[in-house]
Amino acid sequence: MAKVLVVDDEPNIVLSLEFLMQQAGFSVLTAEDGETALQKVEQENPDLLLLDISLPGISGFEVLEKLRNQDAYRQLPIIMLTAHGREVEKEKGMALGADDYVTKPFSTQQLVNQVKNLLDPASKP
């Protein structure tokens, strides 16, 4: 069972994403800030990150950059989540190495499909 790490500082979003990913058949880990996210990546070795940009302490962009600068996590699929749909932020996230970008509010089914596609590229229609 694939492990998804949900990183968001809004408890209601964490709960809904956790429920959504569990329903889709994934094991779920959570972190409420960037520092905790980096620790969990090292300790738990998740298969994919759902990473909010606006986090207390270090931002999602910084977490993404730190992970992409380590060989062990260069290929880790990361989907950036944000309430900011501005093109400049999307471009920054993609430039830093995000695999995908989702703007809140998002379609739950679309997000599940994006996660499944990144975890199993062979399953793409």
PDB file of N, CA and C in Angstrom:
ATOM      1  N   MET A   1       0.848  -1.188   0.000  1.00  0.00           N
ATOM      2  CA  MET A   1       0.000   0.000   0.000  1.00  0.00           C
ATOM      3  C   MET A   1       0.886   1.240   0.000  1.00  0.00           C
ATOM      4  N   ALA A   2       0.625   2.133  -0.951  1.00  0.00           N
ATOM      5  CA  ALA A   2       1.418   3.358  -1.073  1.00  0.00           C
ATOM      6  C   ALA A   2       1.141   4.301   0.090  1.00  0.00           C
ATOM      7  N   LYS A   3       2.209   4.994   0.516  1.00  0.00           N
ATOM      8  CA  LYS A   3       2.096   5.957   1.617  1.00  0.00           C
ATOM      9  C   LYS A   3       2.090   7.377   1.073  1.00  0.00           C
ATOM     10  N   VAL A   4       1.063   8.133   1.473  1.00  0.00           N
ATOM     11  CA  VAL A   4       0.941   9.532   1.059  1.00  0.00           C
ATOM     12  C   VAL A   4       1.121  10.409   2.297  1.00  0.00           C
ATOM     13  N   LEU A   5       2.023  11.387   2.202  1.00  0.00           N
ATOM     14  CA  LEU A   5       2.219  12.341   3.291  1.00  0.00           C
ATOM     15  C   LEU A   5       1.477  13.625   2.944  1.00  0.00           C
ATOM     16  N   VAL A   6       0.481  13.973   3.785  1.00  0.00           N
ATOM     17  CA  VAL A   6      -0.310  15.186   3.614  1.00  0.00           C
ATOM     18  C   VAL A   6       0.299  16.269   4.505  1.00  0.00           C
ATOM     19  N   VAL A   7       0.723  17.377   3.894  1.00  0.00           N
ATOM     20  CA  VAL A   7       1.342  18.477   4.643  1.00  0.00           C
ATOM     21  C   VAL A   7       0.498  19.732   4.470  1.00  0.00           C
ATOM     22  N   ASP A   8      -0.204  20.107   5.541  1.00  0.00           N
ATOM     23  CA  ASP A   8      -1.049  21.300   5.509  1.00  0.00           C
ATOM     24  C   ASP A   8      -1.243  21.771   6.940  1.00  0.00           C
ATOM     25  N   ASP A   9      -1.330  23.090   7.139  1.00  0.00           N
ATOM     26  CA  ASP A   9      -1.495  23.618   8.498  1.00  0.00           C
ATOM     27  C   ASP A   9      -2.960  23.844   8.852  1.00  0.00           C
ATOM     28  N   GLU A  10      -3.882  23.541   7.942  1.00  0.00           N
ATOM     29  CA  GLU A  10      -5.305  23.697   8.235  1.00  0.00           C
ATOM     30  C   GLU A  10      -5.891  22.329   8.582  1.00  0.00           C
ATOM     31  N   PRO A  11      -6.260  22.113   9.863  1.00  0.00           N
ATOM     32  CA  PRO A  11      -6.720  20.788  10.308  1.00  0.00           C
ATOM     33  C   PRO A  11      -7.874  20.219   9.488  1.00  0.00           C
ATOM     34  N   ASN A  12      -8.810  21.076   9.060  1.00  0.00           N
ATOM     35  CA  ASN A  12      -9.942  20.542   8.294  1.00  0.00           C
ATOM     36  C   ASN A  12      -9.502  20.022   6.925  1.00  0.00           C
ATOM     37  N   ILE A  13      -8.506  20.655   6.331  1.00  0.00           N
ATOM     38  CA  ILE A  13      -7.993  20.183   5.041  1.00  0.00           C
ATOM     39  C   ILE A  13      -7.219  18.883   5.243  1.00  0.00           C
ATOM     40  N   VAL A  14      -6.419  18.812   6.302  1.00  0.00           N
ATOM     41  CA  VAL A  14      -5.685  17.579   6.605  1.00  0.00           C
ATOM     42  C   VAL A  14      -6.668  16.428   6.781  1.00  0.00           C
ATOM     43  N   LEU A  15      -7.721  16.667   7.571  1.00  0.00           N
ATOM     44  CA  LEU A  15      -8.710  15.605   7.804  1.00  0.00           C
ATOM     45  C   LEU A  15      -9.385  15.155   6.520  1.00  0.00           C
ATOM     46  N   SER A  16      -9.788  16.114   5.684  1.00  0.00           N
ATOM     47  CA  SER A  16     -10.479  15.722   4.462  1.00  0.00           C
ATOM     48  C   SER A  16      -9.541  15.013   3.489  1.00  0.00           C
ATOM     49  N   LEU A  17      -8.292  15.482   3.380  1.00  0.00           N
ATOM     50  CA  LEU A  17      -7.331  14.812   2.495  1.00  0.00           C
ATOM     51  C   LEU A  17      -6.973  13.432   3.017  1.00  0.00           C
ATOM     52  N   GLU A  18      -6.841  13.324   4.340  1.00  0.00           N
ATOM     53  CA  GLU A  18      -6.526  12.031   4.954  1.00  0.00           C
ATOM     54  C   GLU A  18      -7.644  11.034   4.639  1.00  0.00           C
ATOM     55  N   PHE A  19      -8.885  11.455   4.834  1.00  0.00           N
ATOM     56  CA  PHE A  19     -10.036  10.602   4.553  1.00  0.00           C
ATOM     57  C   PHE A  19     -10.072  10.227   3.068  1.00  0.00           C
ATOM     58  N   LEU A  20      -9.903  11.216   2.210  1.00  0.00           N
ATOM     59  CA  LEU A  20      -9.943  10.998   0.764  1.00  0.00           C
ATOM     60  C   LEU A  20      -8.885   9.976   0.318  1.00  0.00           C
ATOM     61  N   MET A  21      -7.670  10.137   0.801  1.00  0.00           N
ATOM     62  CA  MET A  21      -6.581   9.240   0.402  1.00  0.00           C
ATOM     63  C   MET A  21      -6.784   7.830   0.968  1.00  0.00           C
ATOM     64  N   GLN A  22      -7.303   7.734   2.200  1.00  0.00           N
ATOM     65  CA  GLN A  22      -7.591   6.417   2.780  1.00  0.00           C
ATOM     66  C   GLN A  22      -8.677   5.714   1.977  1.00  0.00           C
ATOM     67  N   GLN A  23      -9.711   6.464   1.584  1.00  0.00           N
ATOM     68  CA  GLN A  23     -10.791   5.884   0.783  1.00  0.00           C
ATOM     69  C   GLN A  23     -10.256   5.376  -0.558  1.00  0.00           C
ATOM     70  N   ALA A  24      -9.225   6.042  -1.064  1.00  0.00           N
ATOM     71  CA  ALA A  24      -8.643   5.655  -2.358  1.00  0.00           C
ATOM     72  C   ALA A  24      -7.659   4.492  -2.197  1.00  0.00           C
ATOM     73  N   GLY A  25      -7.467   4.044  -0.949  1.00  0.00           N
ATOM     74  CA  GLY A  25      -6.626   2.868  -0.723  1.00  0.00           C
ATOM     75  C   GLY A  25      -5.185   3.148  -0.349  1.00  0.00           C
ATOM     76  N   PHE A  26      -4.896   4.361   0.091  1.00  0.00           N
ATOM     77  CA  PHE A  26      -3.534   4.710   0.473  1.00  0.00           C
ATOM     78  C   PHE A  26      -3.376   4.749   1.988  1.00  0.00           C
ATOM     79  N   SER A  27      -2.167   4.494   2.443  1.00  0.00           N
ATOM     80  CA  SER A  27      -1.802   4.705   3.839  1.00  0.00           C
ATOM     81  C   SER A  27      -1.449   6.196   3.937  1.00  0.00           C
ATOM     82  N   VAL A  28      -1.887   6.866   5.017  1.00  0.00           N
ATOM     83  CA  VAL A  28      -1.710   8.318   5.093  1.00  0.00           C
ATOM     84  C   VAL A  28      -0.918   8.742   6.327  1.00  0.00           C
ATOM     85  N   LEU A  29       0.028   9.631   6.112  1.00  0.00           N
ATOM     86  CA  LEU A  29       0.780  10.281   7.183  1.00  0.00           C
ATOM     87  C   LEU A  29       0.443  11.770   7.083  1.00  0.00           C
ATOM     88  N   THR A  30       0.559  12.495   8.186  1.00  0.00           N
ATOM     89  CA  THR A  30       0.274  13.927   8.131  1.00  0.00           C
ATOM     90  C   THR A  30       1.360  14.735   8.830  1.00  0.00           C
ATOM     91  N   ALA A  31       1.495  15.984   8.392  1.00  0.00           N
ATOM     92  CA  ALA A  31       2.406  16.935   9.033  1.00  0.00           C
ATOM     93  C   ALA A  31       1.759  18.307   8.906  1.00  0.00           C
ATOM     94  N   GLU A  32       1.914  19.137   9.961  1.00  0.00           N
ATOM     95  CA  GLU A  32       1.264  20.443   9.935  1.00  0.00           C
ATOM     96  C   GLU A  32       2.228  21.590   9.642  1.00  0.00           C
ATOM     97  N   ASP A  33       3.507  21.287   9.451  1.00  0.00           N
ATOM     98  CA  ASP A  33       4.460  22.338   9.080  1.00  0.00           C
ATOM     99  C   ASP A  33       5.619  21.730   8.294  1.00  0.00           C
ATOM    100  N   GLY A  34       6.418  22.611   7.719  1.00  0.00           N
ATOM    101  CA  GLY A  34       7.513  22.167   6.859  1.00  0.00           C
ATOM    102  C   GLY A  34       8.568  21.340   7.563  1.00  0.00           C
ATOM    103  N   GLU A  35       8.948  21.741   8.787  1.00  0.00           N
ATOM    104  CA  GLU A  35       9.979  20.997   9.520  1.00  0.00           C
ATOM    105  C   GLU A  35       9.522  19.561   9.788  1.00  0.00           C
ATOM    106  N   THR A  36       8.270  19.428  10.246  1.00  0.00           N
ATOM    107  CA  THR A  36       7.723  18.090  10.527  1.00  0.00           C
ATOM    108  C   THR A  36       7.653  17.270   9.238  1.00  0.00           C
ATOM    109  N   ALA A  37       7.297  17.919   8.148  1.00  0.00           N
ATOM    110  CA  ALA A  37       7.221  17.225   6.852  1.00  0.00           C
ATOM    111  C   ALA A  37       8.583  16.639   6.477  1.00  0.00           C
ATOM    112  N   LEU A  38       9.635  17.424   6.621  1.00  0.00           N
ATOM    113  CA  LEU A  38      10.974  16.939   6.271  1.00  0.00           C
ATOM    114  C   LEU A  38      11.383  15.763   7.165  1.00  0.00           C
ATOM    115  N   GLN A  39      11.055  15.851   8.462  1.00  0.00           N
ATOM    116  CA  GLN A  39      11.358  14.744   9.381  1.00  0.00           C
ATOM    117  C   GLN A  39      10.608  13.479   8.972  1.00  0.00           C
ATOM    118  N   LYS A  40       9.323  13.631   8.651  1.00  0.00           N
ATOM    119  CA  LYS A  40       8.516  12.460   8.287  1.00  0.00           C
ATOM    120  C   LYS A  40       8.988  11.835   6.980  1.00  0.00           C
ATOM    121  N   VAL A  41       9.436  12.662   6.050  1.00  0.00           N
ATOM    122  CA  VAL A  41       9.954  12.114   4.789  1.00  0.00           C
ATOM    123  C   VAL A  41      11.153  11.219   5.099  1.00  0.00           C
ATOM    124  N   GLU A  42      12.052  11.692   5.974  1.00  0.00           N
ATOM    125  CA  GLU A  42      13.239  10.897   6.312  1.00  0.00           C
ATOM    126  C   GLU A  42      12.874   9.644   7.105  1.00  0.00           C
ATOM    127  N   GLN A  43      11.965   9.768   8.076  1.00  0.00           N
ATOM    128  CA  GLN A  43      11.619   8.639   8.939  1.00  0.00           C
ATOM    129  C   GLN A  43      10.718   7.617   8.260  1.00  0.00           C
ATOM    130  N   GLU A  44       9.734   8.091   7.500  1.00  0.00           N
ATOM    131  CA  GLU A  44       8.675   7.213   6.993  1.00  0.00           C
ATOM    132  C   GLU A  44       8.811   6.851   5.512  1.00  0.00           C
ATOM    133  N   ASN A  45       9.639   7.603   4.783  1.00  0.00           N
ATOM    134  CA  ASN A  45       9.861   7.349   3.362  1.00  0.00           C
ATOM    135  C   ASN A  45       8.544   7.202   2.573  1.00  0.00           C
ATOM    136  N   PRO A  46       7.724   8.268   2.552  1.00  0.00           N
ATOM    137  CA  PRO A  46       6.437   8.186   1.839  1.00  0.00           C
ATOM    138  C   PRO A  46       6.648   8.026   0.329  1.00  0.00           C
ATOM    139  N   ASP A  47       5.587   7.571  -0.346  1.00  0.00           N
ATOM    140  CA  ASP A  47       5.657   7.378  -1.793  1.00  0.00           C
ATOM    141  C   ASP A  47       5.255   8.629  -2.560  1.00  0.00           C
ATOM    142  N   LEU A  48       4.574   9.565  -1.865  1.00  0.00           N
ATOM    143  CA  LEU A  48       4.113  10.797  -2.520  1.00  0.00           C
ATOM    144  C   LEU A  48       3.812  11.841  -1.457  1.00  0.00           C
ATOM    145  N   LEU A  49       4.011  13.122  -1.802  1.00  0.00           N
ATOM    146  CA  LEU A  49       3.684  14.227  -0.893  1.00  0.00           C
ATOM    147  C   LEU A  49       2.577  15.085  -1.491  1.00  0.00           C
ATOM    148  N   LEU A  50       1.599  15.432  -0.653  1.00  0.00           N
ATOM    149  CA  LEU A  50       0.633  16.479  -0.973  1.00  0.00           C
ATOM    150  C   LEU A  50       1.073  17.644  -0.105  1.00  0.00           C
ATOM    151  N   LEU A  51       1.645  18.655  -0.708  1.00  0.00           N
ATOM    152  CA  LEU A  51       2.368  19.690   0.028  1.00  0.00           C
ATOM    153  C   LEU A  51       1.748  21.072  -0.163  1.00  0.00           C
ATOM    154  N   ASP A  52       1.233  21.637   0.931  1.00  0.00           N
ATOM    155  CA  ASP A  52       0.687  22.997   0.898  1.00  0.00           C
ATOM    156  C   ASP A  52       1.851  23.985   0.786  1.00  0.00           C
ATOM    157  N   ILE A  53       1.618  25.095   0.099  1.00  0.00           N
ATOM    158  CA  ILE A  53       2.675  26.103  -0.028  1.00  0.00           C
ATOM    159  C   ILE A  53       2.764  26.964   1.225  1.00  0.00           C
ATOM    160  N   SER A  54       1.613  27.401   1.749  1.00  0.00           N
ATOM    161  CA  SER A  54       1.591  28.310   2.901  1.00  0.00           C
ATOM    162  C   SER A  54       1.626  27.522   4.198  1.00  0.00           C
ATOM    163  N   LEU A  55       2.816  27.401   4.762  1.00  0.00           N
ATOM    164  CA  LEU A  55       3.004  26.656   6.013  1.00  0.00           C
ATOM    165  C   LEU A  55       3.704  27.541   7.031  1.00  0.00           C
ATOM    166  N   PRO A  56       3.456  27.297   8.330  1.00  0.00           N
ATOM    167  CA  PRO A  56       4.219  28.038   9.352  1.00  0.00           C
ATOM    168  C   PRO A  56       5.683  27.597   9.311  1.00  0.00           C
ATOM    169  N   GLY A  57       6.591  28.493   9.623  1.00  0.00           N
ATOM    170  CA  GLY A  57       8.010  28.128   9.577  1.00  0.00           C
ATOM    171  C   GLY A  57       8.478  28.134   8.134  1.00  0.00           C
ATOM    172  N   ILE A  58       9.020  27.022   7.691  1.00  0.00           N
ATOM    173  CA  ILE A  58       9.495  26.974   6.309  1.00  0.00           C
ATOM    174  C   ILE A  58       8.335  26.656   5.376  1.00  0.00           C
ATOM    175  N   SER A  59       8.308  27.327   4.241  1.00  0.00           N
ATOM    176  CA  SER A  59       7.189  27.188   3.303  1.00  0.00           C
ATOM    177  C   SER A  59       7.255  25.882   2.523  1.00  0.00           C
ATOM    178  N   GLY A  60       6.159  25.580   1.853  1.00  0.00           N
ATOM    179  CA  GLY A  60       6.131  24.406   0.992  1.00  0.00           C
ATOM    180  C   GLY A  60       7.175  24.488  -0.107  1.00  0.00           C
ATOM    181  N   PHE A  61       7.403  25.703  -0.627  1.00  0.00           N
ATOM    182  CA  PHE A  61       8.445  25.876  -1.638  1.00  0.00           C
ATOM    183  C   PHE A  61       9.809  25.474  -1.084  1.00  0.00           C
ATOM    184  N   GLU A  62      10.087  25.873   0.170  1.00  0.00           N
ATOM    185  CA  GLU A  62      11.379  25.536   0.783  1.00  0.00           C
ATOM    186  C   GLU A  62      11.499  24.033   1.021  1.00  0.00           C
ATOM    187  N   VAL A  63      10.403  23.408   1.449  1.00  0.00           N
ATOM    188  CA  VAL A  63      10.411  21.950   1.645  1.00  0.00           C
ATOM    189  C   VAL A  63      10.717  21.265   0.312  1.00  0.00           C
ATOM    190  N   LEU A  64      10.030  21.702  -0.733  1.00  0.00           N
ATOM    191  CA  LEU A  64      10.228  21.147  -2.071  1.00  0.00           C
ATOM    192  C   LEU A  64      11.687  21.290  -2.498  1.00  0.00           C
ATOM    193  N   GLU A  65      12.239  22.474  -2.306  1.00  0.00           N
ATOM    194  CA  GLU A  65      13.625  22.739  -2.704  1.00  0.00           C
ATOM    195  C   GLU A  65      14.607  21.854  -1.932  1.00  0.00           C
ATOM    196  N   LYS A  66      14.392  21.730  -0.621  1.00  0.00           N
ATOM    197  CA  LYS A  66      15.278  20.901   0.203  1.00  0.00           C
ATOM    198  C   LYS A  66      15.238  19.443  -0.257  1.00  0.00           C
ATOM    199  N   LEU A  67      14.025  18.942  -0.551  1.00  0.00           N
ATOM    200  CA  LEU A  67      13.912  17.548  -0.990  1.00  0.00           C
ATOM    201  C   LEU A  67      14.544  17.343  -2.363  1.00  0.00           C
ATOM    202  N   ARG A  68      14.340  18.268  -3.270  1.00  0.00           N
ATOM    203  CA  ARG A  68      14.891  18.123  -4.622  1.00  0.00           C
ATOM    204  C   ARG A  68      16.411  18.240  -4.637  1.00  0.00           C
ATOM    205  N   ASN A  69      16.992  18.839  -3.589  1.00  0.00           N
ATOM    206  CA  ASN A  69      18.448  18.953  -3.505  1.00  0.00           C
ATOM    207  C   ASN A  69      19.102  17.720  -2.893  1.00  0.00           C
ATOM    208  N   GLN A  70      18.314  16.711  -2.538  1.00  0.00           N
ATOM    209  CA  GLN A  70      18.845  15.467  -1.980  1.00  0.00           C
ATOM    210  C   GLN A  70      18.586  14.332  -2.974  1.00  0.00           C
ATOM    211  N   ASP A  71      19.635  13.615  -3.326  1.00  0.00           N
ATOM    212  CA  ASP A  71      19.495  12.525  -4.303  1.00  0.00           C
ATOM    213  C   ASP A  71      18.382  11.556  -3.953  1.00  0.00           C
ATOM    214  N   ALA A  72      18.253  11.248  -2.663  1.00  0.00           N
ATOM    215  CA  ALA A  72      17.275  10.239  -2.235  1.00  0.00           C
ATOM    216  C   ALA A  72      15.838  10.640  -2.549  1.00  0.00           C
ATOM    217  N   TYR A  73      15.580  11.946  -2.661  1.00  0.00           N
ATOM    218  CA  TYR A  73      14.196  12.415  -2.830  1.00  0.00           C
ATOM    219  C   TYR A  73      13.950  13.137  -4.150  1.00  0.00           C
ATOM    220  N   ARG A  74      14.927  13.073  -5.048  1.00  0.00           N
ATOM    221  CA  ARG A  74      14.772  13.780  -6.315  1.00  0.00           C
ATOM    222  C   ARG A  74      13.590  13.265  -7.126  1.00  0.00           C
ATOM    223  N   GLN A  75      13.311  11.959  -7.008  1.00  0.00           N
ATOM    224  CA  GLN A  75      12.230  11.345  -7.793  1.00  0.00           C
ATOM    225  C   GLN A  75      10.918  11.224  -7.016  1.00  0.00           C
ATOM    226  N   LEU A  76      10.901  11.663  -5.753  1.00  0.00           N
ATOM    227  CA  LEU A  76       9.688  11.562  -4.935  1.00  0.00           C
ATOM    228  C   LEU A  76       8.588  12.423  -5.559  1.00  0.00           C
ATOM    229  N   PRO A  77       7.434  11.818  -5.911  1.00  0.00           N
ATOM    230  CA  PRO A  77       6.353  12.619  -6.493  1.00  0.00           C
ATOM    231  C   PRO A  77       5.807  13.627  -5.470  1.00  0.00           C
ATOM    232  N   ILE A  78       5.716  14.884  -5.883  1.00  0.00           N
ATOM    233  CA  ILE A  78       5.215  15.942  -4.998  1.00  0.00           C
ATOM    234  C   ILE A  78       4.161  16.754  -5.736  1.00  0.00           C
ATOM    235  N   ILE A  79       2.969  16.822  -5.132  1.00  0.00           N
ATOM    236  CA  ILE A  79       1.889  17.658  -5.661  1.00  0.00           C
ATOM    237  C   ILE A  79       1.750  18.852  -4.725  1.00  0.00           C
ATOM    238  N   MET A  80       1.911  20.042  -5.273  1.00  0.00           N
ATOM    239  CA  MET A  80       1.770  21.261  -4.481  1.00  0.00           C
ATOM    240  C   MET A  80       0.286  21.603  -4.365  1.00  0.00           C
ATOM    241  N   LEU A  81      -0.141  21.942  -3.148  1.00  0.00           N
ATOM    242  CA  LEU A  81      -1.519  22.378  -2.905  1.00  0.00           C
ATOM    243  C   LEU A  81      -1.480  23.836  -2.489  1.00  0.00           C
ATOM    244  N   THR A  82      -2.370  24.640  -3.048  1.00  0.00           N
ATOM    245  CA  THR A  82      -2.359  26.035  -2.653  1.00  0.00           C
ATOM    246  C   THR A  82      -3.712  26.698  -2.852  1.00  0.00           C
ATOM    247  N   ALA A  83      -3.960  27.688  -2.037  1.00  0.00           N
ATOM    248  CA  ALA A  83      -5.162  28.503  -2.203  1.00  0.00           C
ATOM    249  C   ALA A  83      -4.861  29.621  -3.191  1.00  0.00           C
ATOM    250  N   HIS A  84      -3.592  29.767  -3.532  1.00  0.00           N
ATOM    251  CA  HIS A  84      -3.172  30.817  -4.456  1.00  0.00           C
ATOM    252  C   HIS A  84      -3.074  30.238  -5.858  1.00  0.00           C
ATOM    253  N   GLY A  85      -3.973  30.653  -6.727  1.00  0.00           N
ATOM    254  CA  GLY A  85      -3.971  30.090  -8.071  1.00  0.00           C
ATOM    255  C   GLY A  85      -3.179  30.917  -9.063  1.00  0.00           C
ATOM    256  N   ARG A  86      -2.346  31.806  -8.556  1.00  0.00           N
ATOM    257  CA  ARG A  86      -1.615  32.686  -9.462  1.00  0.00           C
ATOM    258  C   ARG A  86      -0.588  31.902 -10.285  1.00  0.00           C
ATOM    259  N   GLU A  87      -0.519  32.240 -11.538  1.00  0.00           N
ATOM    260  CA  GLU A  87       0.367  31.545 -12.480  1.00  0.00           C
ATOM    261  C   GLU A  87       1.827  31.602 -12.024  1.00  0.00           C
ATOM    262  N   VAL A  88       2.245  32.729 -11.428  1.00  0.00           N
ATOM    263  CA  VAL A  88       3.642  32.874 -11.014  1.00  0.00           C
ATOM    264  C   VAL A  88       4.002  31.827  -9.948  1.00  0.00           C
ATOM    265  N   GLU A  89       3.056  31.528  -9.045  1.00  0.00           N
ATOM    266  CA  GLU A  89       3.336  30.515  -8.023  1.00  0.00           C
ATOM    267  C   GLU A  89       3.400  29.124  -8.625  1.00  0.00           C
ATOM    268  N   LYS A  90       2.512  28.864  -9.571  1.00  0.00           N
ATOM    269  CA  LYS A  90       2.534  27.567 -10.239  1.00  0.00           C
ATOM    270  C   LYS A  90       3.874  27.386 -10.957  1.00  0.00           C
ATOM    271  N   GLU A  91       4.294  28.419 -11.654  1.00  0.00           N
ATOM    272  CA  GLU A  91       5.570  28.349 -12.384  1.00  0.00           C
ATOM    273  C   GLU A  91       6.732  28.136 -11.424  1.00  0.00           C
ATOM    274  N   LYS A  92       6.695  28.815 -10.281  1.00  0.00           N
ATOM    275  CA  LYS A  92       7.767  28.644  -9.293  1.00  0.00           C
ATOM    276  C   LYS A  92       7.784  27.207  -8.776  1.00  0.00           C
ATOM    277  N   GLY A  93       6.606  26.675  -8.442  1.00  0.00           N
ATOM    278  CA  GLY A  93       6.533  25.299  -7.948  1.00  0.00           C
ATOM    279  C   GLY A  93       7.047  24.295  -8.962  1.00  0.00           C
ATOM    280  N   MET A  94       6.647  24.465 -10.203  1.00  0.00           N
ATOM    281  CA  MET A  94       7.088  23.540 -11.245  1.00  0.00           C
ATOM    282  C   MET A  94       8.593  23.694 -11.488  1.00  0.00           C
ATOM    283  N   ALA A  95       9.086  24.934 -11.448  1.00  0.00           N
ATOM    284  CA  ALA A  95      10.518  25.182 -11.661  1.00  0.00           C
ATOM    285  C   ALA A  95      11.352  24.545 -10.551  1.00  0.00           C
ATOM    286  N   LEU A  96      10.801  24.503  -9.341  1.00  0.00           N
ATOM    287  CA  LEU A  96      11.528  23.907  -8.218  1.00  0.00           C
ATOM    288  C   LEU A  96      11.445  22.386  -8.219  1.00  0.00           C
ATOM    289  N   GLY A  97      10.611  21.837  -9.095  1.00  0.00           N
ATOM    290  CA  GLY A  97      10.582  20.387  -9.214  1.00  0.00           C
ATOM    291  C   GLY A  97       9.301  19.701  -8.785  1.00  0.00           C
ATOM    292  N   ALA A  98       8.219  20.468  -8.585  1.00  0.00           N
ATOM    293  CA  ALA A  98       6.941  19.830  -8.252  1.00  0.00           C
ATOM    294  C   ALA A  98       6.475  19.003  -9.446  1.00  0.00           C
ATOM    295  N   ASP A  99       5.797  17.894  -9.173  1.00  0.00           N
ATOM    296  CA  ASP A  99       5.289  17.047 -10.252  1.00  0.00           C
ATOM    297  C   ASP A  99       3.929  17.527 -10.733  1.00  0.00           C
ATOM    298  N   ASP A 100       3.204  18.188  -9.843  1.00  0.00           N
ATOM    299  CA  ASP A 100       1.886  18.675 -10.214  1.00  0.00           C
ATOM    300  C   ASP A 100       1.506  19.800  -9.257  1.00  0.00           C
ATOM    301  N   TYR A 101       0.399  20.460  -9.561  1.00  0.00           N
ATOM    302  CA  TYR A 101      -0.002  21.655  -8.830  1.00  0.00           C
ATOM    303  C   TYR A 101      -1.513  21.669  -8.764  1.00  0.00           C
ATOM    304  N   VAL A 102      -2.078  21.768  -7.565  1.00  0.00           N
ATOM    305  CA  VAL A 102      -3.528  21.755  -7.401  1.00  0.00           C
ATOM    306  C   VAL A 102      -3.944  22.991  -6.616  1.00  0.00           C
ATOM    307  N   THR A 103      -4.933  23.713  -7.139  1.00  0.00           N
ATOM    308  CA  THR A 103      -5.429  24.921  -6.482  1.00  0.00           C
ATOM    309  C   THR A 103      -6.671  24.583  -5.661  1.00  0.00           C
ATOM    310  N   LYS A 104      -6.689  25.049  -4.403  1.00  0.00           N
ATOM    311  CA  LYS A 104      -7.866  24.866  -3.543  1.00  0.00           C
ATOM    312  C   LYS A 104      -8.922  25.895  -3.934  1.00  0.00           C
ATOM    313  N   PRO A 105     -10.191  25.595  -3.896  1.00  0.00           N
ATOM    314  CA  PRO A 105     -10.743  24.255  -3.661  1.00  0.00           C
ATOM    315  C   PRO A 105     -10.523  23.390  -4.900  1.00  0.00           C
ATOM    316  N   PHE A 106     -10.347  22.098  -4.679  1.00  0.00           N
ATOM    317  CA  PHE A 106     -10.027  21.200  -5.779  1.00  0.00           C
ATOM    318  C   PHE A 106     -11.070  20.096  -5.879  1.00  0.00           C
ATOM    319  N   SER A 107     -11.110  19.475  -7.043  1.00  0.00           N
ATOM    320  CA  SER A 107     -11.988  18.334  -7.254  1.00  0.00           C
ATOM    321  C   SER A 107     -11.352  17.131  -6.572  1.00  0.00           C
ATOM    322  N   THR A 108     -12.076  16.512  -5.655  1.00  0.00           N
ATOM    323  CA  THR A 108     -11.507  15.368  -4.938  1.00  0.00           C
ATOM    324  C   THR A 108     -11.170  14.226  -5.894  1.00  0.00           C
ATOM    325  N   GLN A 109     -12.045  13.965  -6.842  1.00  0.00           N
ATOM    326  CA  GLN A 109     -11.792  12.865  -7.782  1.00  0.00           C
ATOM    327  C   GLN A 109     -10.581  13.163  -8.656  1.00  0.00           C
ATOM    328  N   GLN A 110     -10.459  14.412  -9.064  1.00  0.00           N
ATOM    329  CA  GLN A 110      -9.313  14.797  -9.887  1.00  0.00           C
ATOM    330  C   GLN A 110      -8.013  14.624  -9.100  1.00  0.00           C
ATOM    331  N   LEU A 111      -8.019  15.009  -7.826  1.00  0.00           N
ATOM    332  CA  LEU A 111      -6.825  14.875  -7.003  1.00  0.00           C
ATOM    333  C   LEU A 111      -6.457  13.404  -6.828  1.00  0.00           C
ATOM    334  N   VAL A 112      -7.441  12.555  -6.542  1.00  0.00           N
ATOM    335  CA  VAL A 112      -7.177  11.112  -6.410  1.00  0.00           C
ATOM    336  C   VAL A 112      -6.564  10.580  -7.707  1.00  0.00           C
ATOM    337  N   ASN A 113      -7.100  10.999  -8.840  1.00  0.00           N
ATOM    338  CA  ASN A 113      -6.567  10.540 -10.124  1.00  0.00           C
ATOM    339  C   ASN A 113      -5.130  10.998 -10.337  1.00  0.00           C
ATOM    340  N   GLN A 114      -4.828  12.253  -9.947  1.00  0.00           N
ATOM    341  CA  GLN A 114      -3.464  12.760 -10.090  1.00  0.00           C
ATOM    342  C   GLN A 114      -2.498  11.960  -9.222  1.00  0.00           C
ATOM    343  N   VAL A 115      -2.916  11.646  -7.990  1.00  0.00           N
ATOM    344  CA  VAL A 115      -2.077  10.864  -7.087  1.00  0.00           C
ATOM    345  C   VAL A 115      -1.833   9.473  -7.682  1.00  0.00           C
ATOM    346  N   LYS A 116      -2.902   8.828  -8.137  1.00  0.00           N
ATOM    347  CA  LYS A 116      -2.764   7.479  -8.723  1.00  0.00           C
ATOM    348  C   LYS A 116      -1.857   7.505  -9.950  1.00  0.00           C
ATOM    349  N   ASN A 117      -2.008   8.525 -10.790  1.00  0.00           N
ATOM    350  CA  ASN A 117      -1.176   8.611 -11.993  1.00  0.00           C
ATOM    351  C   ASN A 117       0.305   8.793 -11.656  1.00  0.00           C
ATOM    352  N   LEU A 118       0.587   9.589 -10.632  1.00  0.00           N
ATOM    353  CA  LEU A 118       1.993   9.797 -10.260  1.00  0.00           C
ATOM    354  C   LEU A 118       2.582   8.546  -9.601  1.00  0.00           C
ATOM    355  N   LEU A 119       1.764   7.815  -8.869  1.00  0.00           N
ATOM    356  CA  LEU A 119       2.268   6.611  -8.194  1.00  0.00           C
ATOM    357  C   LEU A 119       2.386   5.434  -9.146  1.00  0.00           C
ATOM    358  N   ASP A 120       1.563   5.417 -10.185  1.00  0.00           N
ATOM    359  CA  ASP A 120       1.580   4.307 -11.121  1.00  0.00           C
ATOM    360  C   ASP A 120       1.396   4.838 -12.544  1.00  0.00           C
ATOM    361  N   PRO A 121       2.469   5.336 -13.131  1.00  0.00           N
ATOM    362  CA  PRO A 121       2.359   5.942 -14.461  1.00  0.00           C
ATOM    363  C   PRO A 121       1.788   4.966 -15.499  1.00  0.00           C
ATOM    364  N   ALA A 122       1.929   3.674 -15.279  1.00  0.00           N
ATOM    365  CA  ALA A 122       1.419   2.677 -16.234  1.00  0.00           C
ATOM    366  C   ALA A 122      -0.099   2.668 -16.255  1.00  0.00           C
ATOM    367  N   SER A 123      -0.736   3.226 -15.216  1.00  0.00           N
ATOM    368  CA  SER A 123      -2.198   3.172 -15.123  1.00  0.00           C
ATOM    369  C   SER A 123      -2.883   4.322 -15.856  1.00  0.00           C
ATOM    370  N   LYS A 124      -2.107   5.220 -16.443  1.00  0.00           N
ATOM    371  CA  LYS A 124      -2.710   6.352 -17.152  1.00  0.00           C
ATOM    372  C   LYS A 124      -3.548   5.843 -18.325  1.00  0.00           C
ATOM    373  N   PRO A 125      -4.738   6.427 -18.510  1.00  0.00           N
ATOM    374  CA  PRO A 125      -5.599   5.967 -19.599  1.00  0.00           C
ATOM    375  C   PRO A 125      -5.022   6.303 -20.970  1.00  0.00           C
TER     376      PRO A 125
END
